[in-house]
Amino acid sequence: MWFASALIGLREGLEAALVVSILVAFLVKTERRHALRWVWLGVSVAVLLSVGVGAILTYSTAQLSFEQQELLGGSLSIVAVGFVTAMIFWMRKASRTIAAELRGKLDEALDVGPVAVLVLSFFAVGREGLETAVFFYSTVQTAQGEGGTTEPLIGFSAGILVAIVLAYLIYRGAVRFDLGKFFTITGVLLVFVAAGVLGYGLHDLQEAAFLPGLNTLAFDASAVLPESSWYGALLKGIFNYSQQTTVLQAVAWVAYVAIVLPLFLRPKKKVAAPVAAAIKE
């Protein structure tokens, strides 16, 4: 479970951190450092809101019945899949123009006033933060079913920390690597992670008696690939593997990967400009 959480934390954290780097670099380059405090204030509010939403979602459901918890958890898992899917396609498309668009919006916000700068930075970071909060909740729900909730927290924290360090090193020019390839590789991994979350979310809805087919299994691999084994636990942590998978889970997993992965890997019309170079402009 920690790997999937770390991957989401790294991907979302790096996107948010790169956005902040672009905003900060633009203000520094244009000698408008006085506006930096409004950028950091907007970022801080977005982070606090995201943490608050994650905490509320994670720890406010204890009073719900089992069916209600499964219904909420399953629904939010599907919402999280939608967020992750939109995220990987958005970055695939926006990586070519994100720096220019952010600089243009920030330039307009500076003309309006400090509040506009604050709002811009808040929304620029808040989207990734809220997506991470919802995904964190769905991951914690999965971990609770296995007897603990520490692995998702450790994974998310580690991923976000690495993302912040990487973004800072890129900003300072200390590290250069192909961000296009990075986002492609992590995007492919996230397709499989999201497929597993989708399957688990549908299973939650089946346990809540919202969807039928809880006892209609596509396969039972508990004898040959038990979740208690190290390799079963590895598959569980990365892809939300379930040793007893219902037909609905299996069909949803295969359909999601078969549709989303080819769309994500289809050739781009134009080569994306390196984000690191855009930050330095």
C-alpha atoms as a PDB file:
ATOM      1  CA  MET A   1       0.000   0.000   0.000  1.00  0.00           C
ATOM      2  CA  TRP A   2       2.919   2.326   0.670  1.00  0.00           C
ATOM      3  CA  PHE A   3       4.110   2.166  -2.962  1.00  0.00           C
ATOM      4  CA  ALA A   4       0.808   3.300  -4.449  1.00  0.00           C
ATOM      5  CA  SER A   5       0.567   6.057  -1.833  1.00  0.00           C
ATOM      6  CA  ALA A   6       4.158   7.171  -2.437  1.00  0.00           C
ATOM      7  CA  LEU A   7       3.578   7.231  -6.195  1.00  0.00           C
ATOM      8  CA  ILE A   8       0.502   9.432  -5.830  1.00  0.00           C
ATOM      9  CA  GLY A   9       2.310  11.687  -3.345  1.00  0.00           C
ATOM     10  CA  LEU A  10       5.319  11.984  -5.658  1.00  0.00           C
ATOM     11  CA  ARG A  11       3.272  12.669  -8.773  1.00  0.00           C
ATOM     12  CA  GLU A  12       0.818  15.124  -7.218  1.00  0.00           C
ATOM     13  CA  GLY A  13       3.517  16.727  -5.074  1.00  0.00           C
ATOM     14  CA  LEU A  14       5.871  17.244  -7.999  1.00  0.00           C
ATOM     15  CA  GLU A  15       3.139  18.790 -10.132  1.00  0.00           C
ATOM     16  CA  ALA A  16       2.214  21.211  -7.346  1.00  0.00           C
ATOM     17  CA  ALA A  17       5.856  21.964  -6.532  1.00  0.00           C
ATOM     18  CA  LEU A  18       6.689  22.649 -10.185  1.00  0.00           C
ATOM     19  CA  VAL A  19       3.730  25.019 -10.412  1.00  0.00           C
ATOM     20  CA  VAL A  20       5.001  26.917  -7.363  1.00  0.00           C
ATOM     21  CA  SER A  21       8.512  26.968  -8.841  1.00  0.00           C
ATOM     22  CA  ILE A  22       7.213  28.520 -12.055  1.00  0.00           C
ATOM     23  CA  LEU A  23       5.315  31.210 -10.148  1.00  0.00           C
ATOM     24  CA  VAL A  24       8.274  32.001  -7.884  1.00  0.00           C
ATOM     25  CA  ALA A  25      10.762  32.044 -10.769  1.00  0.00           C
ATOM     26  CA  PHE A  26       8.545  34.432 -12.737  1.00  0.00           C
ATOM     27  CA  LEU A  27       8.308  36.865  -9.823  1.00  0.00           C
ATOM     28  CA  VAL A  28      12.058  36.704  -9.176  1.00  0.00           C
ATOM     29  CA  LYS A  29      12.946  37.174 -12.861  1.00  0.00           C
ATOM     30  CA  THR A  30      10.612  40.140 -13.239  1.00  0.00           C
ATOM     31  CA  GLU A  31      11.851  41.818 -10.036  1.00  0.00           C
ATOM     32  CA  ARG A  32       8.483  41.575  -8.295  1.00  0.00           C
ATOM     33  CA  ARG A  33       9.587  39.769  -5.176  1.00  0.00           C
ATOM     34  CA  HIS A  34       7.116  41.760  -3.083  1.00  0.00           C
ATOM     35  CA  ALA A  35       4.357  39.467  -4.388  1.00  0.00           C
ATOM     36  CA  LEU A  36       6.101  36.299  -3.186  1.00  0.00           C
ATOM     37  CA  ARG A  37       4.439  36.499   0.226  1.00  0.00           C
ATOM     38  CA  TRP A  38       1.006  36.309  -1.428  1.00  0.00           C
ATOM     39  CA  VAL A  39       2.048  33.269  -3.433  1.00  0.00           C
ATOM     40  CA  TRP A  40       3.298  31.505  -0.316  1.00  0.00           C
ATOM     41  CA  LEU A  41       0.173  32.500   1.608  1.00  0.00           C
ATOM     42  CA  GLY A  42      -2.036  31.024  -1.114  1.00  0.00           C
ATOM     43  CA  VAL A  43       0.046  27.848  -1.176  1.00  0.00           C
ATOM     44  CA  SER A  44      -0.126  27.553   2.623  1.00  0.00           C
ATOM     45  CA  VAL A  45      -3.924  27.950   2.655  1.00  0.00           C
ATOM     46  CA  ALA A  46      -4.244  25.306  -0.083  1.00  0.00           C
ATOM     47  CA  VAL A  47      -2.044  22.852   1.839  1.00  0.00           C
ATOM     48  CA  LEU A  48      -3.947  23.413   5.094  1.00  0.00           C
ATOM     49  CA  LEU A  49      -7.282  22.963   3.332  1.00  0.00           C
ATOM     50  CA  SER A  50      -6.099  19.736   1.698  1.00  0.00           C
ATOM     51  CA  VAL A  51      -4.807  18.321   4.981  1.00  0.00           C
ATOM     52  CA  GLY A  52      -8.055  19.314   6.682  1.00  0.00           C
ATOM     53  CA  VAL A  53     -10.201  17.645   4.028  1.00  0.00           C
ATOM     54  CA  GLY A  54      -8.098  14.493   4.233  1.00  0.00           C
ATOM     55  CA  ALA A  55      -8.354  14.409   8.031  1.00  0.00           C
ATOM     56  CA  ILE A  56     -12.105  14.985   7.987  1.00  0.00           C
ATOM     57  CA  LEU A  57     -12.705  12.289   5.390  1.00  0.00           C
ATOM     58  CA  THR A  58     -10.411   9.828   7.122  1.00  0.00           C
ATOM     59  CA  TYR A  59     -11.395  10.225  10.760  1.00  0.00           C
ATOM     60  CA  SER A  60     -15.006  11.442  10.720  1.00  0.00           C
ATOM     61  CA  THR A  61     -16.558   8.222   9.458  1.00  0.00           C
ATOM     62  CA  ALA A  62     -16.044   6.152  12.603  1.00  0.00           C
ATOM     63  CA  GLN A  63     -19.677   6.657  13.665  1.00  0.00           C
ATOM     64  CA  LEU A  64     -21.067   5.319  10.405  1.00  0.00           C
ATOM     65  CA  SER A  65     -22.346   1.768  10.077  1.00  0.00           C
ATOM     66  CA  PHE A  66     -20.289  -0.784   8.147  1.00  0.00           C
ATOM     67  CA  GLU A  67     -22.524  -0.483   5.082  1.00  0.00           C
ATOM     68  CA  GLN A  68     -22.380   3.303   5.188  1.00  0.00           C
ATOM     69  CA  GLN A  69     -18.585   3.266   5.499  1.00  0.00           C
ATOM     70  CA  GLU A  70     -18.298   0.888   2.559  1.00  0.00           C
ATOM     71  CA  LEU A  71     -20.689   3.002   0.492  1.00  0.00           C
ATOM     72  CA  LEU A  72     -18.767   6.201   1.221  1.00  0.00           C
ATOM     73  CA  GLY A  73     -15.385   4.555   0.782  1.00  0.00           C
ATOM     74  CA  GLY A  74     -16.387   2.915  -2.493  1.00  0.00           C
ATOM     75  CA  SER A  75     -17.871   6.123  -3.872  1.00  0.00           C
ATOM     76  CA  LEU A  76     -14.800   8.179  -2.986  1.00  0.00           C
ATOM     77  CA  SER A  77     -12.520   5.510  -4.442  1.00  0.00           C
ATOM     78  CA  ILE A  78     -14.283   5.901  -7.772  1.00  0.00           C
ATOM     79  CA  VAL A  79     -14.036   9.700  -7.451  1.00  0.00           C
ATOM     80  CA  ALA A  80     -10.307   9.281  -6.745  1.00  0.00           C
ATOM     81  CA  VAL A  81      -9.938   7.185  -9.903  1.00  0.00           C
ATOM     82  CA  GLY A  82     -11.575   9.980 -11.857  1.00  0.00           C
ATOM     83  CA  PHE A  83      -9.173  12.514 -10.323  1.00  0.00           C
ATOM     84  CA  VAL A  84      -6.099  10.392 -11.060  1.00  0.00           C
ATOM     85  CA  THR A  85      -7.220   9.711 -14.627  1.00  0.00           C
ATOM     86  CA  ALA A  86      -7.825  13.404 -15.267  1.00  0.00           C
ATOM     87  CA  MET A  87      -4.475  14.234 -13.646  1.00  0.00           C
ATOM     88  CA  ILE A  88      -2.348  12.017 -15.887  1.00  0.00           C
ATOM     89  CA  PHE A  89      -4.062  13.219 -19.047  1.00  0.00           C
ATOM     90  CA  TRP A  90      -3.963  16.863 -17.942  1.00  0.00           C
ATOM     91  CA  MET A  91      -0.216  16.789 -17.364  1.00  0.00           C
ATOM     92  CA  ARG A  92       0.315  14.913 -20.636  1.00  0.00           C
ATOM     93  CA  LYS A  93      -1.449  17.748 -22.464  1.00  0.00           C
ATOM     94  CA  ALA A  94      -0.509  20.749 -20.341  1.00  0.00           C
ATOM     95  CA  SER A  95       3.226  20.071 -20.011  1.00  0.00           C
ATOM     96  CA  ARG A  96       3.779  21.928 -23.308  1.00  0.00           C
ATOM     97  CA  THR A  97       2.077  25.159 -22.250  1.00  0.00           C
ATOM     98  CA  ILE A  98       1.758  25.152 -18.446  1.00  0.00           C
ATOM     99  CA  ALA A  99       4.649  27.557 -17.823  1.00  0.00           C
ATOM    100  CA  ALA A 100       3.462  30.146 -20.344  1.00  0.00           C
ATOM    101  CA  GLU A 101      -0.124  29.912 -19.115  1.00  0.00           C
ATOM    102  CA  LEU A 102       0.869  30.313 -15.469  1.00  0.00           C
ATOM    103  CA  ARG A 103       3.095  33.282 -16.221  1.00  0.00           C
ATOM    104  CA  GLY A 104       0.314  34.939 -18.194  1.00  0.00           C
ATOM    105  CA  LYS A 105      -2.245  34.375 -15.433  1.00  0.00           C
ATOM    106  CA  LEU A 106       0.163  35.614 -12.764  1.00  0.00           C
ATOM    107  CA  ASP A 107       0.932  38.721 -14.778  1.00  0.00           C
ATOM    108  CA  GLU A 108      -2.789  39.476 -14.976  1.00  0.00           C
ATOM    109  CA  ALA A 109      -3.235  38.746 -11.262  1.00  0.00           C
ATOM    110  CA  LEU A 110      -0.442  41.181 -10.377  1.00  0.00           C
ATOM    111  CA  ASP A 111      -2.282  43.903 -12.259  1.00  0.00           C
ATOM    112  CA  VAL A 112      -5.455  43.177 -10.254  1.00  0.00           C
ATOM    113  CA  GLY A 113      -3.830  43.079  -6.823  1.00  0.00           C
ATOM    114  CA  PRO A 114      -2.455  40.903  -3.996  1.00  0.00           C
ATOM    115  CA  VAL A 115      -5.725  39.024  -3.423  1.00  0.00           C
ATOM    116  CA  ALA A 116      -5.755  37.869  -7.046  1.00  0.00           C
ATOM    117  CA  VAL A 117      -2.195  36.532  -6.669  1.00  0.00           C
ATOM    118  CA  LEU A 118      -3.219  34.693  -3.509  1.00  0.00           C
ATOM    119  CA  VAL A 119      -6.272  33.166  -5.215  1.00  0.00           C
ATOM    120  CA  LEU A 120      -4.245  32.107  -8.260  1.00  0.00           C
ATOM    121  CA  SER A 121      -1.592  30.332  -6.180  1.00  0.00           C
ATOM    122  CA  PHE A 122      -4.298  28.776  -3.991  1.00  0.00           C
ATOM    123  CA  PHE A 123      -6.121  27.219  -6.928  1.00  0.00           C
ATOM    124  CA  ALA A 124      -2.888  26.259  -8.697  1.00  0.00           C
ATOM    125  CA  VAL A 125      -1.859  24.085  -5.735  1.00  0.00           C
ATOM    126  CA  GLY A 126      -5.252  23.304  -4.225  1.00  0.00           C
ATOM    127  CA  ARG A 127      -6.401  21.086  -7.078  1.00  0.00           C
ATOM    128  CA  GLU A 128      -3.562  18.607  -6.574  1.00  0.00           C
ATOM    129  CA  GLY A 129      -4.015  18.829  -2.807  1.00  0.00           C
ATOM    130  CA  LEU A 130      -7.712  17.978  -2.863  1.00  0.00           C
ATOM    131  CA  GLU A 131      -7.110  15.126  -5.303  1.00  0.00           C
ATOM    132  CA  THR A 132      -4.452  13.755  -2.956  1.00  0.00           C
ATOM    133  CA  ALA A 133      -6.814  14.075   0.039  1.00  0.00           C
ATOM    134  CA  VAL A 134      -9.534  12.036  -1.670  1.00  0.00           C
ATOM    135  CA  PHE A 135      -7.054   9.415  -2.836  1.00  0.00           C
ATOM    136  CA  PHE A 136      -5.528   9.278   0.628  1.00  0.00           C
ATOM    137  CA  TYR A 137      -8.940   8.536   2.126  1.00  0.00           C
ATOM    138  CA  SER A 138      -9.643   5.721  -0.311  1.00  0.00           C
ATOM    139  CA  THR A 139      -6.192   4.237   0.346  1.00  0.00           C
ATOM    140  CA  VAL A 140      -6.689   4.415   4.125  1.00  0.00           C
ATOM    141  CA  GLN A 141     -10.005   2.598   3.729  1.00  0.00           C
ATOM    142  CA  THR A 142      -8.155  -0.205   1.966  1.00  0.00           C
ATOM    143  CA  ALA A 143      -5.474  -0.310   4.670  1.00  0.00           C
ATOM    144  CA  GLN A 144      -8.074  -0.408   7.439  1.00  0.00           C
ATOM    145  CA  GLY A 145      -9.423  -3.578   5.925  1.00  0.00           C
ATOM    146  CA  GLU A 146      -5.942  -5.054   6.367  1.00  0.00           C
ATOM    147  CA  GLY A 147      -5.554  -3.923   9.968  1.00  0.00           C
ATOM    148  CA  GLY A 148      -3.614  -0.660   9.785  1.00  0.00           C
ATOM    149  CA  THR A 149      -3.459   2.853   8.377  1.00  0.00           C
ATOM    150  CA  THR A 150       0.196   3.841   8.797  1.00  0.00           C
ATOM    151  CA  GLU A 151       1.476   2.660   5.405  1.00  0.00           C
ATOM    152  CA  PRO A 152      -0.588   5.134   3.310  1.00  0.00           C
ATOM    153  CA  LEU A 153       0.501   8.031   5.536  1.00  0.00           C
ATOM    154  CA  ILE A 154       4.157   7.010   5.313  1.00  0.00           C
ATOM    155  CA  GLY A 155       3.901   6.539   1.554  1.00  0.00           C
ATOM    156  CA  PHE A 156       2.207   9.871   0.882  1.00  0.00           C
ATOM    157  CA  SER A 157       4.614  11.726   3.168  1.00  0.00           C
ATOM    158  CA  ALA A 158       7.676  10.149   1.553  1.00  0.00           C
ATOM    159  CA  GLY A 159       6.401  10.832  -1.972  1.00  0.00           C
ATOM    160  CA  ILE A 160       5.586  14.469  -1.254  1.00  0.00           C
ATOM    161  CA  LEU A 161       8.940  15.016   0.487  1.00  0.00           C
ATOM    162  CA  VAL A 162      10.855  13.599  -2.487  1.00  0.00           C
ATOM    163  CA  ALA A 163       8.750  15.756  -4.831  1.00  0.00           C
ATOM    164  CA  ILE A 164       9.588  18.936  -2.910  1.00  0.00           C
ATOM    165  CA  VAL A 165      13.302  18.119  -2.912  1.00  0.00           C
ATOM    166  CA  LEU A 166      13.282  17.331  -6.638  1.00  0.00           C
ATOM    167  CA  ALA A 167      11.381  20.513  -7.507  1.00  0.00           C
ATOM    168  CA  TYR A 168      13.823  22.619  -5.458  1.00  0.00           C
ATOM    169  CA  LEU A 169      16.846  21.006  -7.113  1.00  0.00           C
ATOM    170  CA  ILE A 170      15.315  21.561 -10.550  1.00  0.00           C
ATOM    171  CA  TYR A 171      14.595  25.184  -9.659  1.00  0.00           C
ATOM    172  CA  ARG A 172      18.187  25.706  -8.518  1.00  0.00           C
ATOM    173  CA  GLY A 173      19.509  23.995 -11.650  1.00  0.00           C
ATOM    174  CA  ALA A 174      21.235  21.288  -9.615  1.00  0.00           C
ATOM    175  CA  VAL A 175      19.313  18.449 -11.243  1.00  0.00           C
ATOM    176  CA  ARG A 176      18.310  17.954 -14.851  1.00  0.00           C
ATOM    177  CA  PHE A 177      16.294  15.005 -16.117  1.00  0.00           C
ATOM    178  CA  ASP A 178      13.636  14.308 -18.692  1.00  0.00           C
ATOM    179  CA  LEU A 179      10.395  15.256 -16.949  1.00  0.00           C
ATOM    180  CA  GLY A 180       8.430  14.107 -19.983  1.00  0.00           C
ATOM    181  CA  LYS A 181       9.690  10.551 -19.516  1.00  0.00           C
ATOM    182  CA  PHE A 182       9.160  10.811 -15.775  1.00  0.00           C
ATOM    183  CA  PHE A 183       5.511  11.759 -16.180  1.00  0.00           C
ATOM    184  CA  THR A 184       5.031   9.054 -18.822  1.00  0.00           C
ATOM    185  CA  ILE A 185       6.467   6.300 -16.616  1.00  0.00           C
ATOM    186  CA  THR A 186       4.582   7.403 -13.523  1.00  0.00           C
ATOM    187  CA  GLY A 187       1.467   7.832 -15.645  1.00  0.00           C
ATOM    188  CA  VAL A 188       1.645   4.204 -16.811  1.00  0.00           C
ATOM    189  CA  LEU A 189       2.113   3.011 -13.235  1.00  0.00           C
ATOM    190  CA  LEU A 190      -0.788   5.173 -12.085  1.00  0.00           C
ATOM    191  CA  VAL A 191      -3.072   3.619 -14.699  1.00  0.00           C
ATOM    192  CA  PHE A 192      -2.576   0.245 -13.011  1.00  0.00           C
ATOM    193  CA  VAL A 193      -2.856   1.769  -9.538  1.00  0.00           C
ATOM    194  CA  ALA A 194      -6.112   3.491 -10.514  1.00  0.00           C
ATOM    195  CA  ALA A 195      -7.457   0.258 -12.016  1.00  0.00           C
ATOM    196  CA  GLY A 196      -6.838  -1.468  -8.686  1.00  0.00           C
ATOM    197  CA  VAL A 197      -8.500   1.354  -6.761  1.00  0.00           C
ATOM    198  CA  LEU A 198     -11.482   1.166  -9.121  1.00  0.00           C
ATOM    199  CA  GLY A 199     -11.810  -2.554  -8.482  1.00  0.00           C
ATOM    200  CA  TYR A 200     -11.523  -2.103  -4.736  1.00  0.00           C
ATOM    201  CA  GLY A 201     -14.062   0.721  -4.793  1.00  0.00           C
ATOM    202  CA  LEU A 202     -16.557  -1.442  -6.677  1.00  0.00           C
ATOM    203  CA  HIS A 203     -15.962  -4.232  -4.156  1.00  0.00           C
ATOM    204  CA  ASP A 204     -16.770  -1.773  -1.346  1.00  0.00           C
ATOM    205  CA  LEU A 205     -20.022  -0.897  -3.099  1.00  0.00           C
ATOM    206  CA  GLN A 206     -20.793  -4.610  -3.383  1.00  0.00           C
ATOM    207  CA  GLU A 207     -20.151  -5.067   0.337  1.00  0.00           C
ATOM    208  CA  ALA A 208     -22.492  -2.141   1.001  1.00  0.00           C
ATOM    209  CA  ALA A 209     -25.147  -4.042  -0.999  1.00  0.00           C
ATOM    210  CA  PHE A 210     -25.284  -1.098  -3.411  1.00  0.00           C
ATOM    211  CA  LEU A 211     -24.056  -3.249  -6.304  1.00  0.00           C
ATOM    212  CA  PRO A 212     -24.795  -6.965  -6.849  1.00  0.00           C
ATOM    213  CA  GLY A 213     -22.342  -9.809  -7.388  1.00  0.00           C
ATOM    214  CA  LEU A 214     -20.399  -9.894  -4.112  1.00  0.00           C
ATOM    215  CA  ASN A 215     -20.313 -13.692  -4.121  1.00  0.00           C
ATOM    216  CA  THR A 216     -19.854 -14.095  -7.877  1.00  0.00           C
ATOM    217  CA  LEU A 217     -16.102 -14.605  -8.161  1.00  0.00           C
ATOM    218  CA  ALA A 218     -14.034 -14.345 -11.316  1.00  0.00           C
ATOM    219  CA  PHE A 219     -11.260 -16.276  -9.557  1.00  0.00           C
ATOM    220  CA  ASP A 220     -10.033 -17.335  -6.142  1.00  0.00           C
ATOM    221  CA  ALA A 221      -6.237 -17.333  -6.019  1.00  0.00           C
ATOM    222  CA  SER A 222      -5.925 -17.638  -2.244  1.00  0.00           C
ATOM    223  CA  ALA A 223      -4.266 -21.052  -2.594  1.00  0.00           C
ATOM    224  CA  VAL A 224      -1.600 -20.064  -5.128  1.00  0.00           C
ATOM    225  CA  LEU A 225      -1.222 -16.312  -4.607  1.00  0.00           C
ATOM    226  CA  PRO A 226      -2.329 -15.493  -1.057  1.00  0.00           C
ATOM    227  CA  GLU A 227      -2.304 -11.882   0.103  1.00  0.00           C
ATOM    228  CA  SER A 228      -0.408 -13.015   3.217  1.00  0.00           C
ATOM    229  CA  SER A 229       2.653 -13.967   1.116  1.00  0.00           C
ATOM    230  CA  TRP A 230       5.332 -11.387   0.345  1.00  0.00           C
ATOM    231  CA  TYR A 231       4.543 -11.425  -3.366  1.00  0.00           C
ATOM    232  CA  GLY A 232       0.801 -11.232  -2.688  1.00  0.00           C
ATOM    233  CA  ALA A 233       1.379  -8.318  -0.320  1.00  0.00           C
ATOM    234  CA  LEU A 234       3.532  -6.624  -2.978  1.00  0.00           C
ATOM    235  CA  LEU A 235       0.783  -6.945  -5.583  1.00  0.00           C
ATOM    236  CA  LYS A 236      -1.753  -5.784  -3.013  1.00  0.00           C
ATOM    237  CA  GLY A 237       0.294  -2.731  -2.122  1.00  0.00           C
ATOM    238  CA  ILE A 238       0.981  -1.693  -5.719  1.00  0.00           C
ATOM    239  CA  PHE A 239      -2.109  -2.757  -7.658  1.00  0.00           C
ATOM    240  CA  ASN A 240      -4.732  -3.419  -4.939  1.00  0.00           C
ATOM    241  CA  TYR A 241      -4.641  -7.103  -5.858  1.00  0.00           C
ATOM    242  CA  SER A 242      -7.397  -9.175  -4.263  1.00  0.00           C
ATOM    243  CA  GLN A 243      -7.014 -12.931  -3.922  1.00  0.00           C
ATOM    244  CA  GLN A 244     -10.784 -13.261  -4.220  1.00  0.00           C
ATOM    245  CA  THR A 245     -11.879 -11.043  -7.082  1.00  0.00           C
ATOM    246  CA  THR A 246     -15.477 -10.670  -8.147  1.00  0.00           C
ATOM    247  CA  VAL A 247     -16.520 -10.692 -11.787  1.00  0.00           C
ATOM    248  CA  LEU A 248     -17.403  -6.994 -11.600  1.00  0.00           C
ATOM    249  CA  GLN A 249     -13.960  -6.122 -10.203  1.00  0.00           C
ATOM    250  CA  ALA A 250     -12.157  -8.149 -12.877  1.00  0.00           C
ATOM    251  CA  VAL A 251     -14.194  -6.726 -15.753  1.00  0.00           C
ATOM    252  CA  ALA A 252     -13.751  -3.154 -14.485  1.00  0.00           C
ATOM    253  CA  TRP A 253      -9.976  -3.604 -14.039  1.00  0.00           C
ATOM    254  CA  VAL A 254      -9.448  -5.044 -17.515  1.00  0.00           C
ATOM    255  CA  ALA A 255     -11.759  -2.504 -19.174  1.00  0.00           C
ATOM    256  CA  TYR A 256     -10.089   0.460 -17.455  1.00  0.00           C
ATOM    257  CA  VAL A 257      -6.554  -0.608 -18.411  1.00  0.00           C
ATOM    258  CA  ALA A 258      -7.593  -1.591 -21.950  1.00  0.00           C
ATOM    259  CA  ILE A 259      -9.165   1.815 -22.568  1.00  0.00           C
ATOM    260  CA  VAL A 260      -7.039   4.271 -20.583  1.00  0.00           C
ATOM    261  CA  LEU A 261      -3.525   2.885 -21.172  1.00  0.00           C
ATOM    262  CA  PRO A 262      -3.605   3.007 -25.019  1.00  0.00           C
ATOM    263  CA  LEU A 263      -5.126   6.508 -24.898  1.00  0.00           C
ATOM    264  CA  PHE A 264      -2.402   7.686 -22.534  1.00  0.00           C
ATOM    265  CA  LEU A 265       0.404   6.147 -24.601  1.00  0.00           C
ATOM    266  CA  ARG A 266      -0.835   7.353 -27.988  1.00  0.00           C
ATOM    267  CA  PRO A 267       1.783   9.487 -29.792  1.00  0.00           C
ATOM    268  CA  LYS A 268       1.730  13.188 -29.072  1.00  0.00           C
ATOM    269  CA  LYS A 269       1.222  15.625 -31.919  1.00  0.00           C
ATOM    270  CA  LYS A 270       4.145  17.774 -30.757  1.00  0.00           C
ATOM    271  CA  VAL A 271       7.121  17.137 -28.500  1.00  0.00           C
ATOM    272  CA  ALA A 272       6.615  18.665 -25.060  1.00  0.00           C
ATOM    273  CA  ALA A 273       9.044  21.359 -23.999  1.00  0.00           C
ATOM    274  CA  PRO A 274      11.064  20.477 -20.888  1.00  0.00           C
ATOM    275  CA  VAL A 275       9.416  21.862 -17.771  1.00  0.00           C
ATOM    276  CA  ALA A 276      12.781  22.526 -16.157  1.00  0.00           C
ATOM    277  CA  ALA A 277      13.701  24.870 -19.009  1.00  0.00           C
ATOM    278  CA  ALA A 278      10.347  26.601 -18.664  1.00  0.00           C
ATOM    279  CA  ILE A 279      11.003  27.266 -14.992  1.00  0.00           C
ATOM    280  CA  LYS A 280      14.298  28.938 -15.832  1.00  0.00           C
ATOM    281  CA  GLU A 281      12.798  31.212 -18.490  1.00  0.00           C
END
